[in-house]
Amino acid sequence: MKIRKEYTCPLELTHDIIRGKWKPIILWTLGKEPLSLARLQREINGITQKMLLEQISELLPFGLITKETFEGYPLKVQYSLTDRGRKLLEAITIMQAIGSDLLTEEDMGNIP
């Protein structure tokens, strides 16, 4: 992910942070409940573990998700949305609703 040093609009920065196929889907999935990496990968059809880890590592520095590590064996790690992530999820929810409407109107596939 490339973040510029200067932006002319806050929307540009937000777009750069969540740009791509997987980040909005990761945020959407974590909006349901906190999940381990393995469970998050199972919930997101088609994402590889490598891609998931890469996308998570790009979301963490901006405070959209948090990583919690639990002691014990085996080591347990859980990801969840932060308040900022929940706020962004509101916008993603609107985008998802528009996509659902378009899929239905255009008969473009099955809506889960």
PDB file of N, CA and C in Angstrom:
ATOM      1  N   MET A   1       0.849  -1.167   0.000  1.00  0.00           N
ATOM      2  CA  MET A   1       0.000   0.000   0.000  1.00  0.00           C
ATOM      3  C   MET A   1       0.893   1.228   0.000  1.00  0.00           C
ATOM      4  N   LYS A   2       0.583   2.147  -0.874  1.00  0.00           N
ATOM      5  CA  LYS A   2       1.369   3.369  -0.956  1.00  0.00           C
ATOM      6  C   LYS A   2       0.572   4.524  -0.354  1.00  0.00           C
ATOM      7  N   ILE A   3       1.117   5.111   0.683  1.00  0.00           N
ATOM      8  CA  ILE A   3       0.515   6.280   1.318  1.00  0.00           C
ATOM      9  C   ILE A   3       1.384   7.472   0.957  1.00  0.00           C
ATOM     10  N   ARG A   4       0.732   8.482   0.396  1.00  0.00           N
ATOM     11  CA  ARG A   4       1.475   9.680  -0.008  1.00  0.00           C
ATOM     12  C   ARG A   4       1.790  10.555   1.196  1.00  0.00           C
ATOM     13  N   LYS A   5       2.663  11.516   1.006  1.00  0.00           N
ATOM     14  CA  LYS A   5       3.011  12.447   2.080  1.00  0.00           C
ATOM     15  C   LYS A   5       1.997  13.578   2.187  1.00  0.00           C
ATOM     16  N   GLU A   6       1.314  13.869   1.077  1.00  0.00           N
ATOM     17  CA  GLU A   6       0.331  14.951   1.076  1.00  0.00           C
ATOM     18  C   GLU A   6      -0.948  14.506   0.387  1.00  0.00           C
ATOM     19  N   TYR A   7      -2.055  14.982   0.917  1.00  0.00           N
ATOM     20  CA  TYR A   7      -3.373  14.714   0.340  1.00  0.00           C
ATOM     21  C   TYR A   7      -4.127  16.024   0.222  1.00  0.00           C
ATOM     22  N   THR A   8      -4.928  16.134  -0.809  1.00  0.00           N
ATOM     23  CA  THR A   8      -5.752  17.328  -0.987  1.00  0.00           C
ATOM     24  C   THR A   8      -7.142  17.129  -0.405  1.00  0.00           C
ATOM     25  N   CYS A   9      -7.462  15.877  -0.048  1.00  0.00           N
ATOM     26  CA  CYS A   9      -8.800  15.567   0.452  1.00  0.00           C
ATOM     27  C   CYS A   9      -8.714  14.371   1.398  1.00  0.00           C
ATOM     28  N   PRO A  10      -9.399  14.411   2.541  1.00  0.00           N
ATOM     29  CA  PRO A  10      -9.372  13.282   3.465  1.00  0.00           C
ATOM     30  C   PRO A  10      -9.902  11.981   2.840  1.00  0.00           C
ATOM     31  N   LEU A  11     -10.802  12.102   1.886  1.00  0.00           N
ATOM     32  CA  LEU A  11     -11.334  10.916   1.219  1.00  0.00           C
ATOM     33  C   LEU A  11     -10.252  10.170   0.462  1.00  0.00           C
ATOM     34  N   GLU A  12      -9.297  10.896  -0.092  1.00  0.00           N
ATOM     35  CA  GLU A  12      -8.177  10.252  -0.796  1.00  0.00           C
ATOM     36  C   GLU A  12      -7.387   9.353   0.152  1.00  0.00           C
ATOM     37  N   LEU A  13      -7.128   9.843   1.350  1.00  0.00           N
ATOM     38  CA  LEU A  13      -6.384   9.062   2.330  1.00  0.00           C
ATOM     39  C   LEU A  13      -7.173   7.812   2.723  1.00  0.00           C
ATOM     40  N   THR A  14      -8.447   7.982   3.030  1.00  0.00           N
ATOM     41  CA  THR A  14      -9.280   6.838   3.410  1.00  0.00           C
ATOM     42  C   THR A  14      -9.328   5.821   2.282  1.00  0.00           C
ATOM     43  N   HIS A  15      -9.463   6.293   1.065  1.00  0.00           N
ATOM     44  CA  HIS A  15      -9.483   5.399  -0.097  1.00  0.00           C
ATOM     45  C   HIS A  15      -8.175   4.626  -0.195  1.00  0.00           C
ATOM     46  N   ASP A  16      -7.056   5.300  -0.031  1.00  0.00           N
ATOM     47  CA  ASP A  16      -5.767   4.626  -0.112  1.00  0.00           C
ATOM     48  C   ASP A  16      -5.619   3.560   0.977  1.00  0.00           C
ATOM     49  N   ILE A  17      -6.137   3.836   2.164  1.00  0.00           N
ATOM     50  CA  ILE A  17      -6.020   2.892   3.274  1.00  0.00           C
ATOM     51  C   ILE A  17      -6.818   1.620   3.016  1.00  0.00           C
ATOM     52  N   ILE A  18      -8.029   1.739   2.464  1.00  0.00           N
ATOM     53  CA  ILE A  18      -8.874   0.546   2.289  1.00  0.00           C
ATOM     54  C   ILE A  18      -8.948   0.076   0.838  1.00  0.00           C
ATOM     55  N   ARG A  19      -8.101   0.631  -0.020  1.00  0.00           N
ATOM     56  CA  ARG A  19      -8.116   0.269  -1.426  1.00  0.00           C
ATOM     57  C   ARG A  19      -7.816  -1.216  -1.603  1.00  0.00           C
ATOM     58  N   GLY A  20      -8.467  -1.805  -2.579  1.00  0.00           N
ATOM     59  CA  GLY A  20      -8.207  -3.197  -2.915  1.00  0.00           C
ATOM     60  C   GLY A  20      -9.417  -4.075  -2.704  1.00  0.00           C
ATOM     61  N   LYS A  21      -9.267  -5.288  -3.094  1.00  0.00           N
ATOM     62  CA  LYS A  21     -10.362  -6.259  -3.041  1.00  0.00           C
ATOM     63  C   LYS A  21     -10.661  -6.725  -1.621  1.00  0.00           C
ATOM     64  N   TRP A  22      -9.641  -6.922  -0.808  1.00  0.00           N
ATOM     65  CA  TRP A  22      -9.818  -7.649   0.441  1.00  0.00           C
ATOM     66  C   TRP A  22     -10.074  -6.797   1.674  1.00  0.00           C
ATOM     67  N   LYS A  23      -9.544  -5.598   1.739  1.00  0.00           N
ATOM     68  CA  LYS A  23      -9.656  -4.828   2.980  1.00  0.00           C
ATOM     69  C   LYS A  23     -11.101  -4.550   3.404  1.00  0.00           C
ATOM     70  N   PRO A  24     -11.977  -4.078   2.504  1.00  0.00           N
ATOM     71  CA  PRO A  24     -13.363  -3.890   2.935  1.00  0.00           C
ATOM     72  C   PRO A  24     -14.027  -5.199   3.374  1.00  0.00           C
ATOM     73  N   ILE A  25     -13.663  -6.310   2.732  1.00  0.00           N
ATOM     74  CA  ILE A  25     -14.238  -7.597   3.096  1.00  0.00           C
ATOM     75  C   ILE A  25     -13.731  -8.044   4.461  1.00  0.00           C
ATOM     76  N   ILE A  26     -12.469  -7.792   4.753  1.00  0.00           N
ATOM     77  CA  ILE A  26     -11.918  -8.106   6.073  1.00  0.00           C
ATOM     78  C   ILE A  26     -12.643  -7.295   7.138  1.00  0.00           C
ATOM     79  N   LEU A  27     -12.809  -6.004   6.892  1.00  0.00           N
ATOM     80  CA  LEU A  27     -13.509  -5.155   7.859  1.00  0.00           C
ATOM     81  C   LEU A  27     -14.957  -5.607   8.039  1.00  0.00           C
ATOM     82  N   TRP A  28     -15.614  -5.953   6.938  1.00  0.00           N
ATOM     83  CA  TRP A  28     -17.003  -6.427   6.987  1.00  0.00           C
ATOM     84  C   TRP A  28     -17.093  -7.693   7.847  1.00  0.00           C
ATOM     85  N   THR A  29     -16.173  -8.613   7.625  1.00  0.00           N
ATOM     86  CA  THR A  29     -16.189  -9.889   8.340  1.00  0.00           C
ATOM     87  C   THR A  29     -15.893  -9.685   9.828  1.00  0.00           C
ATOM     88  N   LEU A  30     -14.934  -8.837  10.149  1.00  0.00           N
ATOM     89  CA  LEU A  30     -14.628  -8.563  11.551  1.00  0.00           C
ATOM     90  C   LEU A  30     -15.739  -7.766  12.237  1.00  0.00           C
ATOM     91  N   GLY A  31     -16.584  -7.122  11.452  1.00  0.00           N
ATOM     92  CA  GLY A  31     -17.717  -6.397  12.018  1.00  0.00           C
ATOM     93  C   GLY A  31     -18.738  -7.315  12.657  1.00  0.00           C
ATOM     94  N   LYS A  32     -18.724  -8.574  12.278  1.00  0.00           N
ATOM     95  CA  LYS A  32     -19.654  -9.549  12.852  1.00  0.00           C
ATOM     96  C   LYS A  32     -19.204  -9.986  14.237  1.00  0.00           C
ATOM     97  N   GLU A  33     -17.888 -10.250  14.379  1.00  0.00           N
ATOM     98  CA  GLU A  33     -17.329 -10.699  15.654  1.00  0.00           C
ATOM     99  C   GLU A  33     -15.807 -10.755  15.546  1.00  0.00           C
ATOM    100  N   PRO A  34     -15.106 -10.672  16.680  1.00  0.00           N
ATOM    101  CA  PRO A  34     -13.656 -10.866  16.662  1.00  0.00           C
ATOM    102  C   PRO A  34     -13.337 -12.296  16.213  1.00  0.00           C
ATOM    103  N   LEU A  35     -12.264 -12.443  15.431  1.00  0.00           N
ATOM    104  CA  LEU A  35     -11.926 -13.753  14.881  1.00  0.00           C
ATOM    105  C   LEU A  35     -10.433 -14.013  14.924  1.00  0.00           C
ATOM    106  N   SER A  36     -10.098 -15.288  15.007  1.00  0.00           N
ATOM    107  CA  SER A  36      -8.707 -15.710  14.866  1.00  0.00           C
ATOM    108  C   SER A  36      -8.336 -15.614  13.389  1.00  0.00           C
ATOM    109  N   LEU A  37      -7.045 -15.675  13.106  1.00  0.00           N
ATOM    110  CA  LEU A  37      -6.591 -15.612  11.722  1.00  0.00           C
ATOM    111  C   LEU A  37      -7.171 -16.773  10.905  1.00  0.00           C
ATOM    112  N   ALA A  38      -7.115 -17.975  11.460  1.00  0.00           N
ATOM    113  CA  ALA A  38      -7.617 -19.150  10.735  1.00  0.00           C
ATOM    114  C   ALA A  38      -9.104 -19.036  10.448  1.00  0.00           C
ATOM    115  N   ARG A  39      -9.854 -18.591  11.437  1.00  0.00           N
ATOM    116  CA  ARG A  39     -11.312 -18.467  11.248  1.00  0.00           C
ATOM    117  C   ARG A  39     -11.631 -17.340  10.273  1.00  0.00           C
ATOM    118  N   LEU A  40     -10.884 -16.244  10.344  1.00  0.00           N
ATOM    119  CA  LEU A  40     -11.072 -15.132   9.416  1.00  0.00           C
ATOM    120  C   LEU A  40     -10.822 -15.606   7.992  1.00  0.00           C
ATOM    121  N   GLN A  41      -9.789 -16.387   7.798  1.00  0.00           N
ATOM    122  CA  GLN A  41      -9.489 -16.906   6.464  1.00  0.00           C
ATOM    123  C   GLN A  41     -10.609 -17.827   5.971  1.00  0.00           C
ATOM    124  N   ARG A  42     -11.147 -18.657   6.855  1.00  0.00           N
ATOM    125  CA  ARG A  42     -12.262 -19.540   6.461  1.00  0.00           C
ATOM    126  C   ARG A  42     -13.510 -18.746   6.084  1.00  0.00           C
ATOM    127  N   GLU A  43     -13.724 -17.631   6.754  1.00  0.00           N
ATOM    128  CA  GLU A  43     -14.918 -16.809   6.501  1.00  0.00           C
ATOM    129  C   GLU A  43     -14.838 -16.045   5.184  1.00  0.00           C
ATOM    130  N   ILE A  44     -13.622 -15.774   4.714  1.00  0.00           N
ATOM    131  CA  ILE A  44     -13.437 -14.983   3.492  1.00  0.00           C
ATOM    132  C   ILE A  44     -13.060 -15.923   2.355  1.00  0.00           C
ATOM    133  N   ASN A  45     -14.003 -16.209   1.522  1.00  0.00           N
ATOM    134  CA  ASN A  45     -13.824 -17.155   0.433  1.00  0.00           C
ATOM    135  C   ASN A  45     -12.788 -16.647  -0.569  1.00  0.00           C
ATOM    136  N   GLY A  46     -11.746 -17.452  -0.806  1.00  0.00           N
ATOM    137  CA  GLY A  46     -10.779 -17.135  -1.847  1.00  0.00           C
ATOM    138  C   GLY A  46      -9.527 -16.415  -1.403  1.00  0.00           C
ATOM    139  N   ILE A  47      -9.434 -15.980  -0.158  1.00  0.00           N
ATOM    140  CA  ILE A  47      -8.239 -15.272   0.283  1.00  0.00           C
ATOM    141  C   ILE A  47      -7.205 -16.270   0.801  1.00  0.00           C
ATOM    142  N   THR A  48      -5.957 -16.039   0.463  1.00  0.00           N
ATOM    143  CA  THR A  48      -4.880 -16.888   0.968  1.00  0.00           C
ATOM    144  C   THR A  48      -4.410 -16.336   2.314  1.00  0.00           C
ATOM    145  N   GLN A  49      -3.745 -17.178   3.079  1.00  0.00           N
ATOM    146  CA  GLN A  49      -3.234 -16.732   4.367  1.00  0.00           C
ATOM    147  C   GLN A  49      -2.202 -15.614   4.179  1.00  0.00           C
ATOM    148  N   LYS A  50      -1.364 -15.749   3.173  1.00  0.00           N
ATOM    149  CA  LYS A  50      -0.356 -14.725   2.893  1.00  0.00           C
ATOM    150  C   LYS A  50      -1.015 -13.377   2.599  1.00  0.00           C
ATOM    151  N   MET A  51      -2.046 -13.379   1.757  1.00  0.00           N
ATOM    152  CA  MET A  51      -2.738 -12.140   1.415  1.00  0.00           C
ATOM    153  C   MET A  51      -3.459 -11.577   2.634  1.00  0.00           C
ATOM    154  N   LEU A  52      -4.082 -12.434   3.409  1.00  0.00           N
ATOM    155  CA  LEU A  52      -4.785 -11.989   4.602  1.00  0.00           C
ATOM    156  C   LEU A  52      -3.815 -11.312   5.575  1.00  0.00           C
ATOM    157  N   LEU A  53      -2.683 -11.936   5.815  1.00  0.00           N
ATOM    158  CA  LEU A  53      -1.689 -11.336   6.714  1.00  0.00           C
ATOM    159  C   LEU A  53      -1.174 -10.003   6.179  1.00  0.00           C
ATOM    160  N   GLU A  54      -0.972  -9.925   4.878  1.00  0.00           N
ATOM    161  CA  GLU A  54      -0.508  -8.677   4.266  1.00  0.00           C
ATOM    162  C   GLU A  54      -1.542  -7.569   4.443  1.00  0.00           C
ATOM    163  N   GLN A  55      -2.800  -7.880   4.190  1.00  0.00           N
ATOM    164  CA  GLN A  55      -3.855  -6.879   4.301  1.00  0.00           C
ATOM    165  C   GLN A  55      -4.056  -6.449   5.751  1.00  0.00           C
ATOM    166  N   ILE A  56      -4.003  -7.396   6.672  1.00  0.00           N
ATOM    167  CA  ILE A  56      -4.123  -7.073   8.096  1.00  0.00           C
ATOM    168  C   ILE A  56      -2.978  -6.155   8.522  1.00  0.00           C
ATOM    169  N   SER A  57      -1.778  -6.451   8.063  1.00  0.00           N
ATOM    170  CA  SER A  57      -0.624  -5.631   8.449  1.00  0.00           C
ATOM    171  C   SER A  57      -0.738  -4.208   7.898  1.00  0.00           C
ATOM    172  N   GLU A  58      -1.503  -4.021   6.837  1.00  0.00           N
ATOM    173  CA  GLU A  58      -1.715  -2.679   6.301  1.00  0.00           C
ATOM    174  C   GLU A  58      -2.853  -1.945   7.013  1.00  0.00           C
ATOM    175  N   LEU A  59      -3.781  -2.675   7.626  1.00  0.00           N
ATOM    176  CA  LEU A  59      -4.893  -2.054   8.348  1.00  0.00           C
ATOM    177  C   LEU A  59      -4.523  -1.698   9.788  1.00  0.00           C
ATOM    178  N   LEU A  60      -3.683  -2.492  10.397  1.00  0.00           N
ATOM    179  CA  LEU A  60      -3.322  -2.286  11.807  1.00  0.00           C
ATOM    180  C   LEU A  60      -2.752  -0.898  12.109  1.00  0.00           C
ATOM    181  N   PRO A  61      -1.793  -0.375  11.325  1.00  0.00           N
ATOM    182  CA  PRO A  61      -1.189   0.916  11.685  1.00  0.00           C
ATOM    183  C   PRO A  61      -2.163   2.100  11.667  1.00  0.00           C
ATOM    184  N   PHE A  62      -3.279   1.953  10.994  1.00  0.00           N
ATOM    185  CA  PHE A  62      -4.238   3.055  10.903  1.00  0.00           C
ATOM    186  C   PHE A  62      -5.348   2.948  11.945  1.00  0.00           C
ATOM    187  N   GLY A  63      -5.241   1.977  12.831  1.00  0.00           N
ATOM    188  CA  GLY A  63      -6.189   1.866  13.932  1.00  0.00           C
ATOM    189  C   GLY A  63      -7.568   1.411  13.519  1.00  0.00           C
ATOM    190  N   LEU A  64      -7.671   0.652  12.436  1.00  0.00           N
ATOM    191  CA  LEU A  64      -8.970   0.135  12.009  1.00  0.00           C
ATOM    192  C   LEU A  64      -9.281  -1.208  12.649  1.00  0.00           C
ATOM    193  N   ILE A  65      -8.243  -1.980  12.890  1.00  0.00           N
ATOM    194  CA  ILE A  65      -8.408  -3.260  13.581  1.00  0.00           C
ATOM    195  C   ILE A  65      -7.349  -3.354  14.674  1.00  0.00           C
ATOM    196  N   THR A  66      -7.578  -4.257  15.585  1.00  0.00           N
ATOM    197  CA  THR A  66      -6.626  -4.501  16.655  1.00  0.00           C
ATOM    198  C   THR A  66      -6.311  -5.986  16.719  1.00  0.00           C
ATOM    199  N   LYS A  67      -5.127  -6.282  17.170  1.00  0.00           N
ATOM    200  CA  LYS A  67      -4.666  -7.660  17.305  1.00  0.00           C
ATOM    201  C   LYS A  67      -4.454  -7.920  18.793  1.00  0.00           C
ATOM    202  N   GLU A  68      -5.127  -8.946  19.303  1.00  0.00           N
ATOM    203  CA  GLU A  68      -4.989  -9.301  20.708  1.00  0.00           C
ATOM    204  C   GLU A  68      -4.374 -10.696  20.788  1.00  0.00           C
ATOM    205  N   THR A  69      -3.327 -10.809  21.577  1.00  0.00           N
ATOM    206  CA  THR A  69      -2.638 -12.080  21.739  1.00  0.00           C
ATOM    207  C   THR A  69      -2.921 -12.619  23.132  1.00  0.00           C
ATOM    208  N   PHE A  70      -3.320 -13.880  23.180  1.00  0.00           N
ATOM    209  CA  PHE A  70      -3.624 -14.535  24.444  1.00  0.00           C
ATOM    210  C   PHE A  70      -2.513 -15.525  24.762  1.00  0.00           C
ATOM    211  N   GLU A  71      -2.085 -15.542  26.008  1.00  0.00           N
ATOM    212  CA  GLU A  71      -1.019 -16.457  26.402  1.00  0.00           C
ATOM    213  C   GLU A  71      -1.537 -17.882  26.468  1.00  0.00           C
ATOM    214  N   GLY A  72      -0.618 -18.801  26.427  1.00  0.00           N
ATOM    215  CA  GLY A  72      -0.969 -20.216  26.512  1.00  0.00           C
ATOM    216  C   GLY A  72      -0.467 -20.953  25.297  1.00  0.00           C
ATOM    217  N   TYR A  73      -0.747 -22.232  25.302  1.00  0.00           N
ATOM    218  CA  TYR A  73      -0.336 -23.063  24.176  1.00  0.00           C
ATOM    219  C   TYR A  73      -1.542 -23.823  23.686  1.00  0.00           C
ATOM    220  N   PRO A  74      -1.861 -23.772  22.449  1.00  0.00           N
ATOM    221  CA  PRO A  74      -1.168 -22.979  21.436  1.00  0.00           C
ATOM    222  C   PRO A  74      -1.489 -21.497  21.596  1.00  0.00           C
ATOM    223  N   LEU A  75      -0.596 -20.676  21.115  1.00  0.00           N
ATOM    224  CA  LEU A  75      -0.773 -19.228  21.168  1.00  0.00           C
ATOM    225  C   LEU A  75      -2.025 -18.855  20.404  1.00  0.00           C
ATOM    226  N   LYS A  76      -2.844 -18.009  20.983  1.00  0.00           N
ATOM    227  CA  LYS A  76      -4.082 -17.594  20.325  1.00  0.00           C
ATOM    228  C   LYS A  76      -4.018 -16.105  20.007  1.00  0.00           C
ATOM    229  N   VAL A  77      -4.347 -15.755  18.771  1.00  0.00           N
ATOM    230  CA  VAL A  77      -4.387 -14.369  18.323  1.00  0.00           C
ATOM    231  C   VAL A  77      -5.781 -14.101  17.784  1.00  0.00           C
ATOM    232  N   GLN A  78      -6.320 -12.956  18.147  1.00  0.00           N
ATOM    233  CA  GLN A  78      -7.670 -12.602  17.707  1.00  0.00           C
ATOM    234  C   GLN A  78      -7.660 -11.177  17.177  1.00  0.00           C
ATOM    235  N   TYR A  79      -8.371 -10.967  16.074  1.00  0.00           N
ATOM    236  CA  TYR A  79      -8.477  -9.652  15.455  1.00  0.00           C
ATOM    237  C   TYR A  79      -9.893  -9.129  15.642  1.00  0.00           C
ATOM    238  N   SER A  80     -10.003  -7.823  15.860  1.00  0.00           N
ATOM    239  CA  SER A  80     -11.326  -7.208  16.004  1.00  0.00           C
ATOM    240  C   SER A  80     -11.270  -5.772  15.494  1.00  0.00           C
ATOM    241  N   LEU A  81     -12.442  -5.206  15.288  1.00  0.00           N
ATOM    242  CA  LEU A  81     -12.531  -3.817  14.842  1.00  0.00           C
ATOM    243  C   LEU A  81     -12.326  -2.868  16.013  1.00  0.00           C
ATOM    244  N   THR A  82     -11.716  -1.753  15.751  1.00  0.00           N
ATOM    245  CA  THR A  82     -11.609  -0.666  16.720  1.00  0.00           C
ATOM    246  C   THR A  82     -12.819   0.252  16.516  1.00  0.00           C
ATOM    247  N   ASP A  83     -12.916   1.286  17.321  1.00  0.00           N
ATOM    248  CA  ASP A  83     -14.003   2.259  17.125  1.00  0.00           C
ATOM    249  C   ASP A  83     -13.904   2.894  15.737  1.00  0.00           C
ATOM    250  N   ARG A  84     -12.681   3.214  15.316  1.00  0.00           N
ATOM    251  CA  ARG A  84     -12.487   3.783  13.975  1.00  0.00           C
ATOM    252  C   ARG A  84     -12.911   2.778  12.904  1.00  0.00           C
ATOM    253  N   GLY A  85     -12.586   1.522  13.112  1.00  0.00           N
ATOM    254  CA  GLY A  85     -12.987   0.475  12.172  1.00  0.00           C
ATOM    255  C   GLY A  85     -14.492   0.338  12.087  1.00  0.00           C
ATOM    256  N   ARG A  86     -15.183   0.444  13.237  1.00  0.00           N
ATOM    257  CA  ARG A  86     -16.658   0.372  13.242  1.00  0.00           C
ATOM    258  C   ARG A  86     -17.266   1.569  12.506  1.00  0.00           C
ATOM    259  N   LYS A  87     -16.633   2.709  12.669  1.00  0.00           N
ATOM    260  CA  LYS A  87     -17.107   3.904  11.969  1.00  0.00           C
ATOM    261  C   LYS A  87     -16.979   3.722  10.459  1.00  0.00           C
ATOM    262  N   LEU A  88     -15.857   3.189  10.013  1.00  0.00           N
ATOM    263  CA  LEU A  88     -15.657   2.922   8.594  1.00  0.00           C
ATOM    264  C   LEU A  88     -16.599   1.834   8.109  1.00  0.00           C
ATOM    265  N   LEU A  89     -16.917   0.881   8.982  1.00  0.00           N
ATOM    266  CA  LEU A  89     -17.847  -0.193   8.626  1.00  0.00           C
ATOM    267  C   LEU A  89     -19.230   0.359   8.267  1.00  0.00           C
ATOM    268  N   GLU A  90     -19.605   1.466   8.877  1.00  0.00           N
ATOM    269  CA  GLU A  90     -20.890   2.089   8.526  1.00  0.00           C
ATOM    270  C   GLU A  90     -20.913   2.466   7.042  1.00  0.00           C
ATOM    271  N   ALA A  91     -19.826   3.021   6.549  1.00  0.00           N
ATOM    272  CA  ALA A  91     -19.737   3.380   5.130  1.00  0.00           C
ATOM    273  C   ALA A  91     -19.703   2.121   4.261  1.00  0.00           C
ATOM    274  N   ILE A  92     -18.978   1.116   4.701  1.00  0.00           N
ATOM    275  CA  ILE A  92     -18.899  -0.140   3.940  1.00  0.00           C
ATOM    276  C   ILE A  92     -20.266  -0.811   3.885  1.00  0.00           C
ATOM    277  N   THR A  93     -21.037  -0.705   4.960  1.00  0.00           N
ATOM    278  CA  THR A  93     -22.385  -1.273   4.987  1.00  0.00           C
ATOM    279  C   THR A  93     -23.269  -0.615   3.935  1.00  0.00           C
ATOM    280  N   ILE A  94     -23.152   0.683   3.786  1.00  0.00           N
ATOM    281  CA  ILE A  94     -23.906   1.403   2.754  1.00  0.00           C
ATOM    282  C   ILE A  94     -23.459   0.932   1.372  1.00  0.00           C
ATOM    283  N   MET A  95     -22.156   0.786   1.178  1.00  0.00           N
ATOM    284  CA  MET A  95     -21.636   0.303  -0.103  1.00  0.00           C
ATOM    285  C   MET A  95     -22.142  -1.111  -0.397  1.00  0.00           C
ATOM    286  N   GLN A  96     -22.200  -1.959   0.633  1.00  0.00           N
ATOM    287  CA  GLN A  96     -22.678  -3.328   0.467  1.00  0.00           C
ATOM    288  C   GLN A  96     -24.143  -3.328   0.062  1.00  0.00           C
ATOM    289  N   ALA A  97     -24.945  -2.468   0.663  1.00  0.00           N
ATOM    290  CA  ALA A  97     -26.376  -2.394   0.328  1.00  0.00           C
ATOM    291  C   ALA A  97     -26.573  -1.952  -1.120  1.00  0.00           C
ATOM    292  N   ILE A  98     -25.783  -0.991  -1.563  1.00  0.00           N
ATOM    293  CA  ILE A  98     -25.874  -0.542  -2.958  1.00  0.00           C
ATOM    294  C   ILE A  98     -25.478  -1.679  -3.895  1.00  0.00           C
ATOM    295  N   GLY A  99     -24.404  -2.407  -3.553  1.00  0.00           N
ATOM    296  CA  GLY A  99     -23.989  -3.551  -4.357  1.00  0.00           C
ATOM    297  C   GLY A  99     -25.058  -4.626  -4.423  1.00  0.00           C
ATOM    298  N   SER A 100     -25.722  -4.891  -3.297  1.00  0.00           N
ATOM    299  CA  SER A 100     -26.809  -5.878  -3.280  1.00  0.00           C
ATOM    300  C   SER A 100     -27.941  -5.454  -4.198  1.00  0.00           C
ATOM    301  N   ASP A 101     -28.310  -4.177  -4.139  1.00  0.00           N
ATOM    302  CA  ASP A 101     -29.372  -3.666  -5.025  1.00  0.00           C
ATOM    303  C   ASP A 101     -28.992  -3.844  -6.487  1.00  0.00           C
ATOM    304  N   LEU A 102     -27.763  -3.487  -6.823  1.00  0.00           N
ATOM    305  CA  LEU A 102     -27.316  -3.604  -8.214  1.00  0.00           C
ATOM    306  C   LEU A 102     -27.279  -5.058  -8.675  1.00  0.00           C
ATOM    307  N   LEU A 103     -26.803  -5.954  -7.826  1.00  0.00           N
ATOM    308  CA  LEU A 103     -26.770  -7.370  -8.184  1.00  0.00           C
ATOM    309  C   LEU A 103     -28.177  -7.889  -8.469  1.00  0.00           C
ATOM    310  N   THR A 104     -29.128  -7.475  -7.651  1.00  0.00           N
ATOM    311  CA  THR A 104     -30.510  -7.911  -7.835  1.00  0.00           C
ATOM    312  C   THR A 104     -31.107  -7.312  -9.097  1.00  0.00           C
ATOM    313  N   GLU A 105     -30.936  -6.014  -9.274  1.00  0.00           N
ATOM    314  CA  GLU A 105     -31.505  -5.335 -10.445  1.00  0.00           C
ATOM    315  C   GLU A 105     -30.921  -5.846 -11.748  1.00  0.00           C
ATOM    316  N   GLU A 106     -29.646  -6.147 -11.765  1.00  0.00           N
ATOM    317  CA  GLU A 106     -28.964  -6.560 -12.980  1.00  0.00           C
ATOM    318  C   GLU A 106     -28.886  -8.085 -13.114  1.00  0.00           C
ATOM    319  N   ASP A 107     -29.459  -8.814 -12.146  1.00  0.00           N
ATOM    320  CA  ASP A 107     -29.422 -10.273 -12.145  1.00  0.00           C
ATOM    321  C   ASP A 107     -27.997 -10.774 -12.368  1.00  0.00           C
ATOM    322  N   MET A 108     -27.099 -10.307 -11.505  1.00  0.00           N
ATOM    323  CA  MET A 108     -25.668 -10.578 -11.697  1.00  0.00           C
ATOM    324  C   MET A 108     -25.133 -11.698 -10.804  1.00  0.00           C
ATOM    325  N   GLY A 109     -25.973 -12.383 -10.068  1.00  0.00           N
ATOM    326  CA  GLY A 109     -25.465 -13.476  -9.249  1.00  0.00           C
ATOM    327  C   GLY A 109     -26.269 -13.681  -7.998  1.00  0.00           C
ATOM    328  N   ASN A 110     -25.797 -14.614  -7.212  1.00  0.00           N
ATOM    329  CA  ASN A 110     -26.462 -14.945  -5.956  1.00  0.00           C
ATOM    330  C   ASN A 110     -25.987 -14.022  -4.859  1.00  0.00           C
ATOM    331  N   ILE A 111     -26.930 -13.516  -4.106  1.00  0.00           N
ATOM    332  CA  ILE A 111     -26.595 -12.627  -2.997  1.00  0.00           C
ATOM    333  C   ILE A 111     -26.666 -13.440  -1.717  1.00  0.00           C
ATOM    334  N   PRO A 112     -25.551 -13.497  -1.001  1.00  0.00           N
ATOM    335  CA  PRO A 112     -25.547 -14.260   0.253  1.00  0.00           C
ATOM    336  C   PRO A 112     -26.404 -13.616   1.313  1.00  0.00           C
TER     337      PRO A 112
END
